[in-house]
Amino acid sequence: MSNLLEINNLTVQFRGEGGWFTAVDDVSLALAQGETLGIVGESCSGKSVTALSILRLHAPSTTRPTGQILYSGKDMLTMTPRALRAIRAGNRDDLPGPDVVAQSGLTIADQIGETLRIHQQLDARTSRQRAIELLELVRIPTRAPRR
């Protein structure tokens, strides 16, 4: 089975006041048709930049992506704006439209707690406590380490 999405050595830089800075450095991954990938990391670790780079949704004048983003074998970084618009809109029979979900800004405990509130009809305090218990059970820290 060939990969639907393959990212090879993706580096993304943004222009800032002091020049270019690297937001994503040398990311590679592969995803086959029907697979789901979750990208998890600290705030500002490059999750959203990576996801938005797949569809080239950053301003070209202030962004410099390098590497390769192959979608159904076609390099997204070398496509024309018209071809990109067709893929984003899902208007290509040979290229299924991707489902990209960017980060929500909620902590993992908040997200689990929200699910517990909805599906188990728990109040906010109880659902948060249960979410923390579940995270501790699988040894996922509920607080970021101090730097």
N, C-alpha and C. Protein backbone atom coordinates (compact mmCIF):
# COMPACT_ATOMS: atom_id res chain seq x y z
N MET A 1 0.85 -1.19 0.00
CA MET A 1 0.00 0.00 0.00
C MET A 1 0.90 1.25 0.00
N SER A 2 0.62 2.18 -0.87
CA SER A 2 1.41 3.41 -0.90
C SER A 2 0.84 4.41 0.12
N ASN A 3 1.68 5.34 0.49
CA ASN A 3 1.27 6.34 1.48
C ASN A 3 0.41 7.42 0.83
N LEU A 4 -0.63 7.82 1.53
CA LEU A 4 -1.45 8.96 1.10
C LEU A 4 -0.69 10.25 1.34
N LEU A 5 -0.03 10.32 2.51
CA LEU A 5 0.73 11.51 2.88
C LEU A 5 2.10 11.07 3.35
N GLU A 6 3.12 11.72 2.82
CA GLU A 6 4.49 11.44 3.24
C GLU A 6 5.21 12.77 3.37
N ILE A 7 5.74 13.01 4.54
CA ILE A 7 6.51 14.23 4.79
C ILE A 7 7.95 13.82 5.01
N ASN A 8 8.84 14.43 4.25
CA ASN A 8 10.26 14.11 4.34
C ASN A 8 11.06 15.36 4.67
N ASN A 9 11.69 15.34 5.83
CA ASN A 9 12.61 16.41 6.24
C ASN A 9 11.99 17.80 6.16
N LEU A 10 10.77 17.94 6.62
CA LEU A 10 10.10 19.25 6.58
C LEU A 10 10.71 20.19 7.62
N THR A 11 11.15 21.32 7.15
CA THR A 11 11.60 22.41 8.00
C THR A 11 10.80 23.64 7.59
N VAL A 12 10.25 24.35 8.56
CA VAL A 12 9.46 25.54 8.28
C VAL A 12 10.05 26.71 9.05
N GLN A 13 10.34 27.77 8.32
CA GLN A 13 10.88 28.98 8.93
C GLN A 13 9.92 30.14 8.69
N PHE A 14 9.87 31.05 9.66
CA PHE A 14 9.07 32.26 9.56
C PHE A 14 9.98 33.46 9.66
N ARG A 15 9.62 34.51 8.92
CA ARG A 15 10.38 35.76 9.01
C ARG A 15 9.90 36.55 10.21
N GLY A 16 10.85 36.93 11.06
CA GLY A 16 10.56 37.74 12.23
C GLY A 16 11.36 39.03 12.15
N GLU A 17 11.30 39.81 13.21
CA GLU A 17 12.01 41.09 13.22
C GLU A 17 13.52 40.92 13.09
N GLY A 18 14.05 39.85 13.66
CA GLY A 18 15.50 39.63 13.62
C GLY A 18 15.95 38.70 12.51
N GLY A 19 15.08 38.41 11.56
CA GLY A 19 15.42 37.49 10.48
C GLY A 19 14.53 36.26 10.51
N TRP A 20 15.02 35.18 9.95
CA TRP A 20 14.24 33.95 9.87
C TRP A 20 14.46 33.10 11.12
N PHE A 21 13.38 32.49 11.64
CA PHE A 21 13.52 31.56 12.76
C PHE A 21 12.82 30.25 12.39
N THR A 22 13.32 29.17 12.91
CA THR A 22 12.81 27.84 12.59
C THR A 22 11.72 27.45 13.57
N ALA A 23 10.53 27.12 13.03
CA ALA A 23 9.40 26.70 13.86
C ALA A 23 9.24 25.18 13.85
N VAL A 24 9.60 24.54 12.74
CA VAL A 24 9.57 23.09 12.60
C VAL A 24 10.90 22.69 12.00
N ASP A 25 11.54 21.68 12.59
CA ASP A 25 12.89 21.31 12.16
C ASP A 25 12.98 19.83 11.83
N ASP A 26 13.06 19.51 10.54
CA ASP A 26 13.36 18.17 10.04
C ASP A 26 12.34 17.11 10.47
N VAL A 27 11.07 17.36 10.21
CA VAL A 27 10.00 16.41 10.54
C VAL A 27 9.77 15.47 9.36
N SER A 28 9.67 14.19 9.65
CA SER A 28 9.34 13.19 8.63
C SER A 28 8.26 12.27 9.20
N LEU A 29 7.29 11.91 8.36
CA LEU A 29 6.25 10.96 8.76
C LEU A 29 5.58 10.42 7.51
N ALA A 30 4.86 9.32 7.68
CA ALA A 30 4.12 8.72 6.57
C ALA A 30 2.76 8.28 7.09
N LEU A 31 1.76 8.43 6.26
CA LEU A 31 0.39 8.10 6.63
C LEU A 31 -0.29 7.43 5.45
N ALA A 32 -0.77 6.21 5.65
CA ALA A 32 -1.45 5.48 4.58
C ALA A 32 -2.94 5.85 4.55
N GLN A 33 -3.59 5.59 3.43
CA GLN A 33 -5.03 5.82 3.30
C GLN A 33 -5.75 5.09 4.42
N GLY A 34 -6.65 5.77 5.11
CA GLY A 34 -7.44 5.18 6.18
C GLY A 34 -6.80 5.25 7.55
N GLU A 35 -5.53 5.61 7.63
CA GLU A 35 -4.87 5.74 8.92
C GLU A 35 -5.18 7.10 9.53
N THR A 36 -5.06 7.17 10.84
CA THR A 36 -5.23 8.41 11.57
C THR A 36 -3.95 8.69 12.34
N LEU A 37 -3.54 9.94 12.35
CA LEU A 37 -2.33 10.33 13.06
C LEU A 37 -2.67 11.46 14.01
N GLY A 38 -2.25 11.32 15.24
CA GLY A 38 -2.37 12.38 16.22
C GLY A 38 -0.99 12.93 16.52
N ILE A 39 -0.83 14.22 16.45
CA ILE A 39 0.45 14.85 16.77
C ILE A 39 0.27 15.54 18.11
N VAL A 40 1.05 15.12 19.08
CA VAL A 40 0.93 15.62 20.44
C VAL A 40 2.25 16.25 20.84
N GLY A 41 2.18 17.36 21.53
CA GLY A 41 3.39 18.00 22.01
C GLY A 41 3.07 19.25 22.81
N GLU A 42 4.11 19.83 23.36
CA GLU A 42 3.95 21.03 24.15
C GLU A 42 3.44 22.18 23.29
N SER A 43 2.94 23.20 23.94
CA SER A 43 2.54 24.42 23.26
C SER A 43 3.76 24.98 22.52
N CYS A 44 3.56 25.43 21.32
CA CYS A 44 4.61 26.03 20.48
C CYS A 44 5.66 25.01 20.03
N SER A 45 5.31 23.73 19.98
CA SER A 45 6.28 22.72 19.55
C SER A 45 6.23 22.45 18.05
N GLY A 46 5.27 23.06 17.34
CA GLY A 46 5.22 22.94 15.89
C GLY A 46 4.09 22.09 15.35
N LYS A 47 3.15 21.66 16.18
CA LYS A 47 2.05 20.81 15.74
C LYS A 47 1.20 21.50 14.68
N SER A 48 0.72 22.68 15.00
CA SER A 48 -0.15 23.40 14.06
C SER A 48 0.61 23.86 12.83
N VAL A 49 1.85 24.28 13.01
CA VAL A 49 2.66 24.71 11.86
C VAL A 49 2.82 23.55 10.89
N THR A 50 3.07 22.35 11.42
CA THR A 50 3.20 21.17 10.57
C THR A 50 1.90 20.89 9.83
N ALA A 51 0.79 20.88 10.56
CA ALA A 51 -0.51 20.58 9.94
C ALA A 51 -0.88 21.62 8.89
N LEU A 52 -0.68 22.88 9.19
CA LEU A 52 -1.03 23.93 8.23
C LEU A 52 -0.07 23.95 7.03
N SER A 53 1.14 23.49 7.24
CA SER A 53 2.12 23.44 6.15
C SER A 53 1.74 22.40 5.11
N ILE A 54 1.06 21.35 5.54
CA ILE A 54 0.66 20.30 4.59
C ILE A 54 -0.15 20.91 3.45
N LEU A 55 -1.05 21.81 3.77
CA LEU A 55 -1.88 22.45 2.74
C LEU A 55 -1.37 23.82 2.34
N ARG A 56 -0.17 24.15 2.80
CA ARG A 56 0.46 25.44 2.50
C ARG A 56 -0.48 26.60 2.81
N LEU A 57 -0.92 26.64 4.04
CA LEU A 57 -1.85 27.68 4.47
C LEU A 57 -1.16 28.86 5.15
N HIS A 58 0.16 28.89 5.14
CA HIS A 58 0.90 30.02 5.68
C HIS A 58 1.20 31.02 4.57
N ALA A 59 1.32 32.28 4.93
CA ALA A 59 1.61 33.33 3.95
C ALA A 59 2.98 33.09 3.30
N PRO A 60 3.03 32.96 1.98
CA PRO A 60 4.30 32.69 1.30
C PRO A 60 5.36 33.76 1.51
N SER A 61 4.93 35.00 1.74
CA SER A 61 5.91 36.08 1.88
C SER A 61 6.65 36.03 3.23
N THR A 62 6.09 35.33 4.21
CA THR A 62 6.72 35.29 5.53
C THR A 62 7.06 33.87 5.99
N THR A 63 6.91 32.90 5.10
CA THR A 63 7.14 31.50 5.45
C THR A 63 8.07 30.85 4.44
N ARG A 64 8.96 30.01 4.95
CA ARG A 64 9.90 29.31 4.09
C ARG A 64 9.90 27.82 4.46
N PRO A 65 9.04 27.02 3.77
CA PRO A 65 9.07 25.58 4.03
C PRO A 65 10.07 24.89 3.09
N THR A 66 10.81 23.92 3.61
CA THR A 66 11.71 23.12 2.77
C THR A 66 11.50 21.66 3.11
N GLY A 67 11.95 20.80 2.25
CA GLY A 67 11.76 19.38 2.40
C GLY A 67 10.76 18.92 1.36
N GLN A 68 9.95 17.95 1.72
CA GLN A 68 8.99 17.40 0.77
C GLN A 68 7.70 17.05 1.50
N ILE A 69 6.57 17.43 0.92
CA ILE A 69 5.26 17.03 1.43
C ILE A 69 4.54 16.37 0.26
N LEU A 70 4.56 15.05 0.24
CA LEU A 70 3.94 14.29 -0.85
C LEU A 70 2.53 13.89 -0.44
N TYR A 71 1.57 14.31 -1.24
CA TYR A 71 0.17 13.96 -1.03
C TYR A 71 -0.28 13.19 -2.26
N SER A 72 -0.58 11.91 -2.09
CA SER A 72 -0.87 11.02 -3.22
C SER A 72 0.24 11.08 -4.26
N GLY A 73 1.49 11.17 -3.79
CA GLY A 73 2.65 11.16 -4.67
C GLY A 73 3.01 12.50 -5.28
N LYS A 74 2.21 13.52 -5.03
CA LYS A 74 2.46 14.85 -5.62
C LYS A 74 3.00 15.78 -4.54
N ASP A 75 4.06 16.53 -4.87
CA ASP A 75 4.72 17.39 -3.89
C ASP A 75 3.94 18.69 -3.71
N MET A 76 3.37 18.86 -2.52
CA MET A 76 2.57 20.03 -2.20
C MET A 76 3.42 21.32 -2.23
N LEU A 77 4.72 21.19 -1.95
CA LEU A 77 5.57 22.38 -1.90
C LEU A 77 5.90 22.93 -3.28
N THR A 78 5.67 22.15 -4.32
CA THR A 78 5.96 22.62 -5.68
C THR A 78 4.70 22.85 -6.52
N MET A 79 3.53 22.64 -5.94
CA MET A 79 2.27 22.81 -6.69
C MET A 79 1.94 24.27 -6.94
N THR A 80 1.22 24.49 -8.00
CA THR A 80 0.74 25.84 -8.31
C THR A 80 -0.38 26.21 -7.34
N PRO A 81 -0.61 27.50 -7.15
CA PRO A 81 -1.72 27.91 -6.29
C PRO A 81 -3.06 27.32 -6.74
N ARG A 82 -3.27 27.21 -8.04
CA ARG A 82 -4.53 26.65 -8.55
C ARG A 82 -4.68 25.18 -8.16
N ALA A 83 -3.61 24.40 -8.30
CA ALA A 83 -3.65 22.98 -7.92
C ALA A 83 -3.90 22.83 -6.42
N LEU A 84 -3.27 23.69 -5.64
CA LEU A 84 -3.48 23.65 -4.19
C LEU A 84 -4.93 23.95 -3.82
N ARG A 85 -5.51 24.96 -4.47
CA ARG A 85 -6.92 25.30 -4.19
C ARG A 85 -7.83 24.12 -4.51
N ALA A 86 -7.55 23.40 -5.60
CA ALA A 86 -8.37 22.25 -5.96
C ALA A 86 -8.28 21.15 -4.90
N ILE A 87 -7.09 20.93 -4.39
CA ILE A 87 -6.92 19.90 -3.35
C ILE A 87 -7.61 20.34 -2.07
N ARG A 88 -7.42 21.59 -1.66
CA ARG A 88 -8.05 22.08 -0.44
C ARG A 88 -9.56 21.97 -0.50
N ALA A 89 -10.10 22.19 -1.69
CA ALA A 89 -11.56 22.12 -1.86
C ALA A 89 -12.05 20.70 -2.11
N GLY A 90 -11.11 19.75 -2.30
CA GLY A 90 -11.50 18.37 -2.57
C GLY A 90 -12.05 18.19 -3.96
N ASN A 91 -11.63 19.04 -4.91
CA ASN A 91 -12.16 18.99 -6.27
C ASN A 91 -11.35 18.14 -7.24
N ARG A 92 -10.54 17.26 -6.72
CA ARG A 92 -9.71 16.41 -7.58
C ARG A 92 -10.10 14.96 -7.36
N ASP A 93 -10.49 14.26 -8.40
CA ASP A 93 -10.86 12.86 -8.25
C ASP A 93 -9.67 12.00 -7.85
N ASP A 94 -8.48 12.37 -8.31
CA ASP A 94 -7.30 11.55 -8.01
C ASP A 94 -6.67 11.87 -6.67
N LEU A 95 -7.12 12.93 -6.01
CA LEU A 95 -6.57 13.31 -4.71
C LEU A 95 -7.70 13.54 -3.71
N PRO A 96 -7.91 12.60 -2.79
CA PRO A 96 -8.96 12.82 -1.80
C PRO A 96 -8.61 13.98 -0.89
N GLY A 97 -9.60 14.75 -0.49
CA GLY A 97 -9.37 15.91 0.37
C GLY A 97 -8.94 15.48 1.76
N PRO A 98 -7.87 16.07 2.30
CA PRO A 98 -7.40 15.69 3.63
C PRO A 98 -8.26 16.31 4.73
N ASP A 99 -8.28 15.66 5.85
CA ASP A 99 -8.95 16.18 7.04
C ASP A 99 -7.87 16.61 8.01
N VAL A 100 -7.64 17.90 8.13
CA VAL A 100 -6.63 18.42 9.03
C VAL A 100 -7.33 19.15 10.16
N VAL A 101 -7.03 18.74 11.37
CA VAL A 101 -7.62 19.37 12.54
C VAL A 101 -6.50 20.00 13.34
N ALA A 102 -6.53 21.29 13.50
CA ALA A 102 -5.48 21.98 14.25
C ALA A 102 -5.77 21.91 15.75
N GLN A 103 -4.80 22.25 16.54
CA GLN A 103 -4.94 22.16 17.99
C GLN A 103 -6.05 23.06 18.49
N SER A 104 -6.65 22.64 19.60
CA SER A 104 -7.80 23.37 20.13
C SER A 104 -7.43 24.43 21.15
N GLY A 105 -6.24 24.36 21.73
CA GLY A 105 -5.87 25.29 22.77
C GLY A 105 -6.27 24.82 24.16
N LEU A 106 -6.98 23.71 24.25
CA LEU A 106 -7.36 23.14 25.53
C LEU A 106 -6.28 22.18 25.99
N THR A 107 -6.13 22.03 27.30
CA THR A 107 -5.22 21.02 27.82
C THR A 107 -5.83 19.64 27.58
N ILE A 108 -4.99 18.62 27.65
CA ILE A 108 -5.52 17.26 27.48
C ILE A 108 -6.53 16.94 28.58
N ALA A 109 -6.28 17.41 29.79
CA ALA A 109 -7.23 17.19 30.89
C ALA A 109 -8.57 17.88 30.59
N ASP A 110 -8.52 19.07 30.01
CA ASP A 110 -9.76 19.77 29.63
C ASP A 110 -10.53 18.97 28.57
N GLN A 111 -9.79 18.44 27.59
CA GLN A 111 -10.44 17.69 26.51
C GLN A 111 -11.07 16.40 27.02
N ILE A 112 -10.34 15.68 27.88
CA ILE A 112 -10.90 14.46 28.45
C ILE A 112 -12.08 14.81 29.35
N GLY A 113 -11.93 15.86 30.15
CA GLY A 113 -13.01 16.30 31.03
C GLY A 113 -14.27 16.67 30.27
N GLU A 114 -14.09 17.34 29.13
CA GLU A 114 -15.25 17.71 28.30
C GLU A 114 -15.99 16.46 27.82
N THR A 115 -15.23 15.46 27.40
CA THR A 115 -15.83 14.21 26.95
C THR A 115 -16.60 13.53 28.08
N LEU A 116 -16.01 13.52 29.27
CA LEU A 116 -16.69 12.92 30.43
C LEU A 116 -17.96 13.68 30.79
N ARG A 117 -17.91 15.01 30.72
CA ARG A 117 -19.11 15.83 31.01
C ARG A 117 -20.24 15.48 30.05
N ILE A 118 -19.89 15.37 28.78
CA ILE A 118 -20.92 15.12 27.76
C ILE A 118 -21.47 13.70 27.84
N HIS A 119 -20.57 12.72 27.89
CA HIS A 119 -21.00 11.32 27.76
C HIS A 119 -21.37 10.66 29.08
N GLN A 120 -20.88 11.19 30.19
CA GLN A 120 -21.22 10.60 31.48
C GLN A 120 -22.01 11.57 32.36
N GLN A 121 -22.41 12.70 31.78
CA GLN A 121 -23.20 13.71 32.48
C GLN A 121 -22.60 14.09 33.83
N LEU A 122 -21.28 14.32 33.86
CA LEU A 122 -20.62 14.74 35.10
C LEU A 122 -20.54 16.26 35.14
N ASP A 123 -20.52 16.81 36.35
CA ASP A 123 -20.33 18.25 36.46
C ASP A 123 -18.87 18.58 36.17
N ALA A 124 -18.58 19.86 35.99
CA ALA A 124 -17.25 20.30 35.57
C ALA A 124 -16.16 19.86 36.55
N ARG A 125 -16.39 20.04 37.83
CA ARG A 125 -15.37 19.69 38.83
C ARG A 125 -15.10 18.19 38.87
N THR A 126 -16.15 17.39 38.87
CA THR A 126 -16.00 15.93 38.92
C THR A 126 -15.32 15.41 37.65
N SER A 127 -15.71 15.96 36.49
CA SER A 127 -15.11 15.49 35.24
C SER A 127 -13.63 15.85 35.18
N ARG A 128 -13.25 17.00 35.69
CA ARG A 128 -11.83 17.39 35.71
C ARG A 128 -11.04 16.47 36.63
N GLN A 129 -11.58 16.20 37.81
CA GLN A 129 -10.91 15.30 38.75
C GLN A 129 -10.72 13.92 38.13
N ARG A 130 -11.75 13.42 37.47
CA ARG A 130 -11.67 12.09 36.84
C ARG A 130 -10.68 12.10 35.70
N ALA A 131 -10.63 13.18 34.93
CA ALA A 131 -9.66 13.28 33.83
C ALA A 131 -8.23 13.22 34.37
N ILE A 132 -7.98 13.91 35.46
CA ILE A 132 -6.64 13.89 36.07
C ILE A 132 -6.32 12.49 36.58
N GLU A 133 -7.30 11.82 37.19
CA GLU A 133 -7.09 10.44 37.65
C GLU A 133 -6.71 9.53 36.48
N LEU A 134 -7.41 9.68 35.37
CA LEU A 134 -7.14 8.85 34.19
C LEU A 134 -5.75 9.12 33.62
N LEU A 135 -5.35 10.39 33.59
CA LEU A 135 -4.02 10.73 33.09
C LEU A 135 -2.94 10.16 34.01
N GLU A 136 -3.15 10.26 35.31
CA GLU A 136 -2.19 9.71 36.25
C GLU A 136 -2.12 8.19 36.14
N LEU A 137 -3.24 7.55 35.87
CA LEU A 137 -3.30 6.10 35.73
C LEU A 137 -2.39 5.62 34.59
N VAL A 138 -2.33 6.38 33.50
CA VAL A 138 -1.48 6.00 32.37
C VAL A 138 -0.16 6.76 32.36
N ARG A 139 0.13 7.42 33.49
CA ARG A 139 1.41 8.11 33.72
C ARG A 139 1.68 9.25 32.75
N ILE A 140 0.65 9.98 32.42
CA ILE A 140 0.80 11.21 31.64
C ILE A 140 0.73 12.36 32.64
N PRO A 141 1.80 13.18 32.73
CA PRO A 141 1.78 14.27 33.71
C PRO A 141 0.67 15.28 33.42
N THR A 142 0.07 15.79 34.48
CA THR A 142 -1.00 16.76 34.31
C THR A 142 -0.47 18.19 34.33
N ARG A 143 0.81 18.34 34.62
CA ARG A 143 1.43 19.66 34.60
C ARG A 143 2.70 19.57 33.77
N ALA A 144 2.98 20.64 33.04
CA ALA A 144 4.22 20.71 32.25
C ALA A 144 5.40 20.80 33.20
N PRO A 145 6.52 20.16 32.85
CA PRO A 145 7.71 20.28 33.70
C PRO A 145 8.22 21.71 33.72
N ARG A 146 8.76 22.13 34.84
CA ARG A 146 9.33 23.48 34.95
C ARG A 146 10.64 23.53 34.21
N ARG A 147 10.91 24.67 33.60
CA ARG A 147 12.15 24.85 32.85
C ARG A 147 13.07 25.79 33.55
